[in-house]
Amino acid sequence: MTEPAPELLIEVLRGDRARRPRRDDARAAGLRASLEDHVFEIFGPPRRETPVVVSSATLRGSGHGFELFDSTLSRARGHVISTAFRLLVAHVHVEDPYDDALGAWRGERPDDELLSVIAHLDDDQVARLRADVTSHFATLTKGLGPIPSSWWPRTSQRARQLLGGGNVQLRDVVDLVVGSTHHEVASVALVDITTSPLGAGAERVMRFHALMQTLRTSVVPLRTSIFSSATGELWTLDVDAELLMRAVGDVVETLTRVGASS
């Protein structure tokens, strides 16, 4: 079950240090073996021409579109907020969230097709998108709190896992990871930032982040969270064996649907 959101995201990440469990670096192998067994049961040994890709976007599901614009601009809004979030975590002063994030985005990926879409918006569309970004950013800054550099914050952390000899690819991007896998107690926290309201797919996303972090590092994270800049909602889950097995179940359910339709 999710817990009531405290005033700041930073309080969720800190938690009660005295209650942190010991580092679990033995569970990843069993999770991978379970996934491999299921992949073999669903797809068998033949190598597929194209792998089945499962990501957090796959598990998030539909129904959370950008109400004011189409899905392409929904992605653009999300990318602008994601870029602004990285600036905040890096302690960069953001004077204007739309202009500053857009400038950083152009510097990182000048040929991104979404930038071309934004460049061709009319004045009314730009004004509406700017207002929407400003509103989301205000909600984000109000709920975030300063992230200390001593927590080793990493933004946009990517992970990829191959299963079934490459028949399945698990892909993930976590907006924020803090903490170290080298402590004697669990200390890594994962944060997903979304510009959509939190719905049924949010917990699947949180579980998937925890699973991918475990597979990538072989160490179970402490907790996984998701924050909506649309509503200010913050959900968090402590990571345990049950949560990770549910994450495996989420992936298997998705793969089973693909297998049944292929």
C-alpha atoms as a PDB file:
ATOM      1  CA  MET A   1       0.000   0.000   0.000  1.00  0.00           C
ATOM      2  CA  THR A   2       1.132   3.540  -0.637  1.00  0.00           C
ATOM      3  CA  GLU A   3       1.691   5.866   2.291  1.00  0.00           C
ATOM      4  CA  PRO A   4       0.373   9.409   2.777  1.00  0.00           C
ATOM      5  CA  ALA A   5       2.728  11.898   1.185  1.00  0.00           C
ATOM      6  CA  PRO A   6       4.850  14.000   3.555  1.00  0.00           C
ATOM      7  CA  GLU A   7       5.448  17.648   2.881  1.00  0.00           C
ATOM      8  CA  LEU A   8       8.557  17.164   0.748  1.00  0.00           C
ATOM      9  CA  LEU A   9       9.877  14.443  -1.525  1.00  0.00           C
ATOM     10  CA  ILE A  10      13.213  14.731   0.239  1.00  0.00           C
ATOM     11  CA  GLU A  11      11.592  13.456   3.444  1.00  0.00           C
ATOM     12  CA  VAL A  12      10.453  10.312   1.629  1.00  0.00           C
ATOM     13  CA  LEU A  13      13.962   9.696   0.344  1.00  0.00           C
ATOM     14  CA  ARG A  14      15.488  10.178   3.774  1.00  0.00           C
ATOM     15  CA  GLY A  15      12.939   8.108   5.693  1.00  0.00           C
ATOM     16  CA  ASP A  16      13.751   6.644   9.095  1.00  0.00           C
ATOM     17  CA  ARG A  17      17.398   5.659   8.915  1.00  0.00           C
ATOM     18  CA  ALA A  18      17.115   3.472  11.999  1.00  0.00           C
ATOM     19  CA  ARG A  19      14.582   1.214  10.249  1.00  0.00           C
ATOM     20  CA  ARG A  20      16.529   0.517   7.067  1.00  0.00           C
ATOM     21  CA  PRO A  21      17.002  -3.212   6.358  1.00  0.00           C
ATOM     22  CA  ARG A  22      20.393  -4.749   5.706  1.00  0.00           C
ATOM     23  CA  ARG A  23      21.652  -4.671   2.144  1.00  0.00           C
ATOM     24  CA  ASP A  24      20.222  -7.551   0.100  1.00  0.00           C
ATOM     25  CA  ASP A  25      22.661  -8.609  -2.619  1.00  0.00           C
ATOM     26  CA  ALA A  26      21.439 -12.207  -2.952  1.00  0.00           C
ATOM     27  CA  ARG A  27      17.987 -11.773  -4.490  1.00  0.00           C
ATOM     28  CA  ALA A  28      18.866 -10.577  -8.001  1.00  0.00           C
ATOM     29  CA  ALA A  29      19.985 -13.993  -9.259  1.00  0.00           C
ATOM     30  CA  GLY A  30      16.671 -15.597  -8.324  1.00  0.00           C
ATOM     31  CA  LEU A  31      14.677 -12.824  -9.973  1.00  0.00           C
ATOM     32  CA  ARG A  32      16.638 -13.171 -13.198  1.00  0.00           C
ATOM     33  CA  ALA A  33      16.254 -16.955 -13.164  1.00  0.00           C
ATOM     34  CA  SER A  34      12.490 -16.604 -12.704  1.00  0.00           C
ATOM     35  CA  LEU A  35      12.263 -14.154 -15.605  1.00  0.00           C
ATOM     36  CA  GLU A  36      14.384 -16.393 -17.840  1.00  0.00           C
ATOM     37  CA  ASP A  37      12.152 -19.379 -17.073  1.00  0.00           C
ATOM     38  CA  HIS A  38       9.019 -17.439 -17.956  1.00  0.00           C
ATOM     39  CA  VAL A  39      10.522 -16.061 -21.161  1.00  0.00           C
ATOM     40  CA  PHE A  40      11.413 -19.600 -22.252  1.00  0.00           C
ATOM     41  CA  GLU A  41       7.905 -20.834 -21.440  1.00  0.00           C
ATOM     42  CA  ILE A  42       6.293 -18.038 -23.451  1.00  0.00           C
ATOM     43  CA  PHE A  43       8.569 -17.778 -26.505  1.00  0.00           C
ATOM     44  CA  GLY A  44      10.556 -21.020 -26.502  1.00  0.00           C
ATOM     45  CA  PRO A  45      14.164 -21.363 -27.722  1.00  0.00           C
ATOM     46  CA  PRO A  46      13.872 -19.940 -31.288  1.00  0.00           C
ATOM     47  CA  ARG A  47      15.443 -16.514 -31.745  1.00  0.00           C
ATOM     48  CA  ARG A  48      12.898 -13.826 -32.665  1.00  0.00           C
ATOM     49  CA  GLU A  49      13.607 -11.508 -35.580  1.00  0.00           C
ATOM     50  CA  THR A  50      12.834  -8.519 -33.370  1.00  0.00           C
ATOM     51  CA  PRO A  51      12.986  -8.582 -29.574  1.00  0.00           C
ATOM     52  CA  VAL A  52      10.004  -7.825 -27.379  1.00  0.00           C
ATOM     53  CA  VAL A  53      10.688  -4.570 -25.527  1.00  0.00           C
ATOM     54  CA  VAL A  54       9.203  -3.942 -22.092  1.00  0.00           C
ATOM     55  CA  SER A  55       9.715  -0.537 -20.488  1.00  0.00           C
ATOM     56  CA  SER A  56       8.204   1.591 -17.749  1.00  0.00           C
ATOM     57  CA  ALA A  57       6.165   3.317 -20.463  1.00  0.00           C
ATOM     58  CA  THR A  58       4.752  -0.076 -21.460  1.00  0.00           C
ATOM     59  CA  LEU A  59       3.688  -0.787 -17.901  1.00  0.00           C
ATOM     60  CA  ARG A  60       2.347   2.694 -17.233  1.00  0.00           C
ATOM     61  CA  GLY A  61      -0.550   2.053 -19.607  1.00  0.00           C
ATOM     62  CA  SER A  62      -2.747   4.526 -21.403  1.00  0.00           C
ATOM     63  CA  GLY A  63      -5.370   6.993 -20.340  1.00  0.00           C
ATOM     64  CA  HIS A  64      -3.085   9.755 -19.102  1.00  0.00           C
ATOM     65  CA  GLY A  65      -2.815  11.957 -22.180  1.00  0.00           C
ATOM     66  CA  PHE A  66      -2.014  15.627 -22.362  1.00  0.00           C
ATOM     67  CA  GLU A  67      -5.458  17.172 -22.121  1.00  0.00           C
ATOM     68  CA  LEU A  68      -4.608  20.438 -23.887  1.00  0.00           C
ATOM     69  CA  PHE A  69      -2.606  19.063 -26.802  1.00  0.00           C
ATOM     70  CA  ASP A  70      -1.891  15.847 -28.680  1.00  0.00           C
ATOM     71  CA  SER A  71       0.377  13.024 -27.526  1.00  0.00           C
ATOM     72  CA  THR A  72       3.453  14.473 -29.245  1.00  0.00           C
ATOM     73  CA  LEU A  73       3.200  17.690 -27.241  1.00  0.00           C
ATOM     74  CA  SER A  74       2.458  15.651 -24.146  1.00  0.00           C
ATOM     75  CA  ARG A  75       5.882  14.076 -24.610  1.00  0.00           C
ATOM     76  CA  ALA A  76       7.377  17.507 -25.230  1.00  0.00           C
ATOM     77  CA  ARG A  77       5.918  18.826 -21.982  1.00  0.00           C
ATOM     78  CA  GLY A  78       7.252  15.801 -20.144  1.00  0.00           C
ATOM     79  CA  HIS A  79      10.714  16.295 -21.580  1.00  0.00           C
ATOM     80  CA  VAL A  80      10.769  19.995 -20.679  1.00  0.00           C
ATOM     81  CA  ILE A  81       9.807  19.186 -17.077  1.00  0.00           C
ATOM     82  CA  SER A  82      12.314  16.330 -16.941  1.00  0.00           C
ATOM     83  CA  THR A  83      15.063  18.679 -18.110  1.00  0.00           C
ATOM     84  CA  ALA A  84      14.029  21.340 -15.592  1.00  0.00           C
ATOM     85  CA  PHE A  85      14.074  18.674 -12.881  1.00  0.00           C
ATOM     86  CA  ARG A  86      17.656  17.729 -13.750  1.00  0.00           C
ATOM     87  CA  LEU A  87      18.631  21.397 -13.492  1.00  0.00           C
ATOM     88  CA  LEU A  88      17.078  21.581 -10.030  1.00  0.00           C
ATOM     89  CA  VAL A  89      18.881  18.447  -8.831  1.00  0.00           C
ATOM     90  CA  ALA A  90      22.157  19.892 -10.147  1.00  0.00           C
ATOM     91  CA  HIS A  91      21.452  23.057  -8.094  1.00  0.00           C
ATOM     92  CA  VAL A  92      21.220  25.211 -11.226  1.00  0.00           C
ATOM     93  CA  HIS A  93      19.156  28.340 -10.697  1.00  0.00           C
ATOM     94  CA  VAL A  94      16.100  28.219 -12.934  1.00  0.00           C
ATOM     95  CA  GLU A  95      14.844  31.703 -13.737  1.00  0.00           C
ATOM     96  CA  ASP A  96      12.278  30.701 -16.339  1.00  0.00           C
ATOM     97  CA  PRO A  97      11.448  26.960 -16.397  1.00  0.00           C
ATOM     98  CA  TYR A  98      10.299  26.951 -20.012  1.00  0.00           C
ATOM     99  CA  ASP A  99      13.156  28.944 -21.550  1.00  0.00           C
ATOM    100  CA  ASP A 100      15.888  27.512 -19.313  1.00  0.00           C
ATOM    101  CA  ALA A 101      14.827  23.892 -19.769  1.00  0.00           C
ATOM    102  CA  LEU A 102      14.330  24.346 -23.509  1.00  0.00           C
ATOM    103  CA  GLY A 103      17.820  25.860 -23.785  1.00  0.00           C
ATOM    104  CA  ALA A 104      19.361  22.956 -21.870  1.00  0.00           C
ATOM    105  CA  TRP A 105      17.415  20.483 -24.008  1.00  0.00           C
ATOM    106  CA  ARG A 106      18.721  22.087 -27.223  1.00  0.00           C
ATOM    107  CA  GLY A 107      22.242  21.891 -25.833  1.00  0.00           C
ATOM    108  CA  GLU A 108      21.891  18.190 -25.050  1.00  0.00           C
ATOM    109  CA  ARG A 109      19.993  17.032 -28.143  1.00  0.00           C
ATOM    110  CA  PRO A 110      19.852  19.773 -30.784  1.00  0.00           C
ATOM    111  CA  ASP A 111      18.415  17.436 -33.446  1.00  0.00           C
ATOM    112  CA  ASP A 112      15.556  16.064 -31.332  1.00  0.00           C
ATOM    113  CA  GLU A 113      12.380  15.878 -33.428  1.00  0.00           C
ATOM    114  CA  LEU A 114      10.272  17.221 -30.563  1.00  0.00           C
ATOM    115  CA  LEU A 115      12.277  20.447 -30.611  1.00  0.00           C
ATOM    116  CA  SER A 116      11.313  20.831 -34.254  1.00  0.00           C
ATOM    117  CA  VAL A 117       7.648  20.363 -33.316  1.00  0.00           C
ATOM    118  CA  ILE A 118       7.906  23.071 -30.659  1.00  0.00           C
ATOM    119  CA  ALA A 119       9.680  25.413 -33.078  1.00  0.00           C
ATOM    120  CA  HIS A 120       6.681  25.234 -35.427  1.00  0.00           C
ATOM    121  CA  LEU A 121       3.975  25.942 -32.845  1.00  0.00           C
ATOM    122  CA  ASP A 122       1.930  29.077 -33.300  1.00  0.00           C
ATOM    123  CA  ASP A 123       1.979  31.848 -30.685  1.00  0.00           C
ATOM    124  CA  ASP A 124      -1.179  30.631 -28.941  1.00  0.00           C
ATOM    125  CA  GLN A 125       0.106  27.070 -28.627  1.00  0.00           C
ATOM    126  CA  VAL A 126       3.459  28.265 -27.296  1.00  0.00           C
ATOM    127  CA  ALA A 127       1.727  30.457 -24.715  1.00  0.00           C
ATOM    128  CA  ARG A 128      -0.438  27.553 -23.532  1.00  0.00           C
ATOM    129  CA  LEU A 129       2.515  25.154 -23.392  1.00  0.00           C
ATOM    130  CA  ARG A 130       4.628  27.706 -21.509  1.00  0.00           C
ATOM    131  CA  ALA A 131       1.829  28.268 -18.969  1.00  0.00           C
ATOM    132  CA  ASP A 132       1.393  24.529 -18.494  1.00  0.00           C
ATOM    133  CA  VAL A 133       5.136  23.980 -17.983  1.00  0.00           C
ATOM    134  CA  THR A 134       5.268  26.872 -15.488  1.00  0.00           C
ATOM    135  CA  SER A 135       2.397  25.350 -13.506  1.00  0.00           C
ATOM    136  CA  HIS A 136       3.980  21.890 -13.415  1.00  0.00           C
ATOM    137  CA  PHE A 137       7.350  23.328 -12.442  1.00  0.00           C
ATOM    138  CA  ALA A 138       5.807  25.265  -9.541  1.00  0.00           C
ATOM    139  CA  THR A 139       4.208  22.062  -8.255  1.00  0.00           C
ATOM    140  CA  LEU A 140       7.498  20.201  -8.659  1.00  0.00           C
ATOM    141  CA  THR A 141       9.605  22.757  -6.795  1.00  0.00           C
ATOM    142  CA  LYS A 142       7.037  22.965  -3.996  1.00  0.00           C
ATOM    143  CA  GLY A 143       7.077  19.203  -3.466  1.00  0.00           C
ATOM    144  CA  LEU A 144      10.740  18.454  -4.097  1.00  0.00           C
ATOM    145  CA  GLY A 145      12.984  20.118  -1.566  1.00  0.00           C
ATOM    146  CA  PRO A 146      16.775  20.450  -1.980  1.00  0.00           C
ATOM    147  CA  ILE A 147      18.623  17.205  -2.780  1.00  0.00           C
ATOM    148  CA  PRO A 148      22.012  17.228  -0.979  1.00  0.00           C
ATOM    149  CA  SER A 149      25.001  16.460  -3.200  1.00  0.00           C
ATOM    150  CA  SER A 150      26.220  14.106  -0.449  1.00  0.00           C
ATOM    151  CA  TRP A 151      23.384  11.742  -1.454  1.00  0.00           C
ATOM    152  CA  TRP A 152      25.116  11.124  -4.818  1.00  0.00           C
ATOM    153  CA  PRO A 153      22.055  12.064  -6.918  1.00  0.00           C
ATOM    154  CA  ARG A 154      22.006  10.606 -10.443  1.00  0.00           C
ATOM    155  CA  THR A 155      19.422  11.745 -12.973  1.00  0.00           C
ATOM    156  CA  SER A 156      18.055   9.962 -16.051  1.00  0.00           C
ATOM    157  CA  GLN A 157      19.724   6.688 -15.096  1.00  0.00           C
ATOM    158  CA  ARG A 158      19.257   4.177 -17.906  1.00  0.00           C
ATOM    159  CA  ALA A 159      19.233   0.393 -17.647  1.00  0.00           C
ATOM    160  CA  ARG A 160      18.832  -2.463 -20.120  1.00  0.00           C
ATOM    161  CA  GLN A 161      18.513  -6.168 -19.446  1.00  0.00           C
ATOM    162  CA  LEU A 162      18.445  -8.925 -22.086  1.00  0.00           C
ATOM    163  CA  LEU A 163      16.468 -12.121 -21.464  1.00  0.00           C
ATOM    164  CA  GLY A 164      15.936 -15.294 -23.456  1.00  0.00           C
ATOM    165  CA  GLY A 165      19.094 -14.865 -25.511  1.00  0.00           C
ATOM    166  CA  GLY A 166      17.938 -11.423 -26.587  1.00  0.00           C
ATOM    167  CA  ASN A 167      14.311 -12.322 -27.322  1.00  0.00           C
ATOM    168  CA  VAL A 168      13.256  -9.862 -24.629  1.00  0.00           C
ATOM    169  CA  GLN A 169      14.715  -6.479 -23.745  1.00  0.00           C
ATOM    170  CA  LEU A 170      13.808  -4.750 -20.514  1.00  0.00           C
ATOM    171  CA  ARG A 171      14.518  -1.016 -20.725  1.00  0.00           C
ATOM    172  CA  ASP A 172      14.213   1.606 -18.047  1.00  0.00           C
ATOM    173  CA  VAL A 173      15.005   5.235 -17.297  1.00  0.00           C
ATOM    174  CA  VAL A 174      14.763   6.464 -13.698  1.00  0.00           C
ATOM    175  CA  ASP A 175      14.494  10.223 -13.270  1.00  0.00           C
ATOM    176  CA  LEU A 176      16.401  10.293  -9.973  1.00  0.00           C
ATOM    177  CA  VAL A 177      18.479   7.792  -8.015  1.00  0.00           C
ATOM    178  CA  VAL A 178      20.053   8.685  -4.671  1.00  0.00           C
ATOM    179  CA  GLY A 179      22.129   6.687  -2.227  1.00  0.00           C
ATOM    180  CA  SER A 180      24.830   4.043  -2.554  1.00  0.00           C
ATOM    181  CA  THR A 181      24.707   0.282  -3.075  1.00  0.00           C
ATOM    182  CA  HIS A 182      27.870  -0.132  -0.989  1.00  0.00           C
ATOM    183  CA  HIS A 183      26.426   0.605   2.446  1.00  0.00           C
ATOM    184  CA  GLU A 184      25.730  -2.217   4.890  1.00  0.00           C
ATOM    185  CA  VAL A 185      22.065  -1.192   4.942  1.00  0.00           C
ATOM    186  CA  ALA A 186      19.757  -0.491   2.001  1.00  0.00           C
ATOM    187  CA  SER A 187      20.075   3.172   1.043  1.00  0.00           C
ATOM    188  CA  VAL A 188      19.190   3.584  -2.639  1.00  0.00           C
ATOM    189  CA  ALA A 189      15.944   5.411  -3.423  1.00  0.00           C
ATOM    190  CA  LEU A 190      14.374   5.713  -6.868  1.00  0.00           C
ATOM    191  CA  VAL A 191      12.145   8.564  -8.042  1.00  0.00           C
ATOM    192  CA  ASP A 192       9.942   8.792 -11.131  1.00  0.00           C
ATOM    193  CA  ILE A 193       8.670  12.238 -12.137  1.00  0.00           C
ATOM    194  CA  THR A 194       5.525  12.256 -14.265  1.00  0.00           C
ATOM    195  CA  THR A 195       3.466  15.109 -15.667  1.00  0.00           C
ATOM    196  CA  SER A 196       0.337  12.929 -15.593  1.00  0.00           C
ATOM    197  CA  PRO A 197      -1.979  12.260 -12.639  1.00  0.00           C
ATOM    198  CA  LEU A 198      -1.149   9.054 -10.785  1.00  0.00           C
ATOM    199  CA  GLY A 199      -3.312   6.142 -11.835  1.00  0.00           C
ATOM    200  CA  ALA A 200      -3.432   2.365 -11.933  1.00  0.00           C
ATOM    201  CA  GLY A 201      -0.147   2.092 -13.814  1.00  0.00           C
ATOM    202  CA  ALA A 202       1.870   4.140 -11.316  1.00  0.00           C
ATOM    203  CA  GLU A 203       2.566   1.273  -8.918  1.00  0.00           C
ATOM    204  CA  ARG A 204       3.583  -0.979 -11.822  1.00  0.00           C
ATOM    205  CA  VAL A 205       6.102   1.682 -12.837  1.00  0.00           C
ATOM    206  CA  MET A 206       7.475   1.928  -9.301  1.00  0.00           C
ATOM    207  CA  ARG A 207       7.823  -1.853  -9.089  1.00  0.00           C
ATOM    208  CA  PHE A 208       9.519  -2.027 -12.484  1.00  0.00           C
ATOM    209  CA  HIS A 209      12.074   0.618 -11.471  1.00  0.00           C
ATOM    210  CA  ALA A 210      12.883  -1.424  -8.344  1.00  0.00           C
ATOM    211  CA  LEU A 211      13.218  -4.638 -10.348  1.00  0.00           C
ATOM    212  CA  MET A 212      15.503  -3.068 -12.937  1.00  0.00           C
ATOM    213  CA  GLN A 213      17.667  -1.446 -10.270  1.00  0.00           C
ATOM    214  CA  THR A 214      18.037  -4.825  -8.563  1.00  0.00           C
ATOM    215  CA  LEU A 215      18.950  -6.592 -11.809  1.00  0.00           C
ATOM    216  CA  ARG A 216      21.350  -3.825 -12.843  1.00  0.00           C
ATOM    217  CA  THR A 217      23.268  -3.531  -9.571  1.00  0.00           C
ATOM    218  CA  SER A 218      22.502  -6.894  -7.888  1.00  0.00           C
ATOM    219  CA  VAL A 219      21.452  -4.911  -4.806  1.00  0.00           C
ATOM    220  CA  VAL A 220      17.836  -4.377  -3.754  1.00  0.00           C
ATOM    221  CA  PRO A 221      16.992  -0.653  -3.392  1.00  0.00           C
ATOM    222  CA  LEU A 222      15.440   0.766  -0.244  1.00  0.00           C
ATOM    223  CA  ARG A 223      12.344   2.391  -1.721  1.00  0.00           C
ATOM    224  CA  THR A 224      10.749   3.545  -4.950  1.00  0.00           C
ATOM    225  CA  SER A 225       8.645   6.666  -5.395  1.00  0.00           C
ATOM    226  CA  ILE A 226       6.642   8.505  -8.024  1.00  0.00           C
ATOM    227  CA  PHE A 227       5.696  12.194  -8.020  1.00  0.00           C
ATOM    228  CA  SER A 228       3.094  13.861 -10.235  1.00  0.00           C
ATOM    229  CA  SER A 229       3.768  17.455 -11.212  1.00  0.00           C
ATOM    230  CA  ALA A 230       0.153  17.618 -12.398  1.00  0.00           C
ATOM    231  CA  THR A 231      -1.382  17.096  -8.966  1.00  0.00           C
ATOM    232  CA  GLY A 232       1.450  17.171  -6.423  1.00  0.00           C
ATOM    233  CA  GLU A 233       0.668  13.564  -5.465  1.00  0.00           C
ATOM    234  CA  LEU A 234       3.572  11.511  -4.126  1.00  0.00           C
ATOM    235  CA  TRP A 235       3.438   7.750  -3.729  1.00  0.00           C
ATOM    236  CA  THR A 236       6.195   5.662  -2.207  1.00  0.00           C
ATOM    237  CA  LEU A 237       6.760   1.962  -1.601  1.00  0.00           C
ATOM    238  CA  ASP A 238       9.431   0.221   0.431  1.00  0.00           C
ATOM    239  CA  VAL A 239      11.082  -2.461  -1.684  1.00  0.00           C
ATOM    240  CA  ASP A 240      10.844  -6.027  -0.392  1.00  0.00           C
ATOM    241  CA  ALA A 241      10.657  -9.557  -1.790  1.00  0.00           C
ATOM    242  CA  GLU A 242       6.909  -9.366  -2.385  1.00  0.00           C
ATOM    243  CA  LEU A 243       7.170  -6.130  -4.365  1.00  0.00           C
ATOM    244  CA  LEU A 244       9.934  -7.536  -6.562  1.00  0.00           C
ATOM    245  CA  MET A 245       7.982 -10.723  -7.300  1.00  0.00           C
ATOM    246  CA  ARG A 246       4.965  -8.603  -8.223  1.00  0.00           C
ATOM    247  CA  ALA A 247       7.242  -6.699 -10.586  1.00  0.00           C
ATOM    248  CA  VAL A 248       8.253  -9.999 -12.189  1.00  0.00           C
ATOM    249  CA  GLY A 249       4.553 -10.819 -12.498  1.00  0.00           C
ATOM    250  CA  ASP A 250       3.897  -7.477 -14.215  1.00  0.00           C
ATOM    251  CA  VAL A 251       6.585  -8.219 -16.803  1.00  0.00           C
ATOM    252  CA  VAL A 252       5.383 -11.795 -17.327  1.00  0.00           C
ATOM    253  CA  GLU A 253       1.796 -10.613 -17.807  1.00  0.00           C
ATOM    254  CA  THR A 254       2.948  -8.191 -20.509  1.00  0.00           C
ATOM    255  CA  LEU A 255       5.053 -10.840 -22.248  1.00  0.00           C
ATOM    256  CA  THR A 256       2.207 -13.334 -22.104  1.00  0.00           C
ATOM    257  CA  ARG A 257      -0.070 -10.910 -23.961  1.00  0.00           C
ATOM    258  CA  VAL A 258       2.595 -10.444 -26.627  1.00  0.00           C
ATOM    259  CA  GLY A 259       3.129 -14.195 -26.911  1.00  0.00           C
ATOM    260  CA  ALA A 260      -0.588 -14.838 -27.287  1.00  0.00           C
ATOM    261  CA  SER A 261      -0.866 -12.322 -30.120  1.00  0.00           C
ATOM    262  CA  SER A 262       2.201 -13.431 -32.052  1.00  0.00           C
END
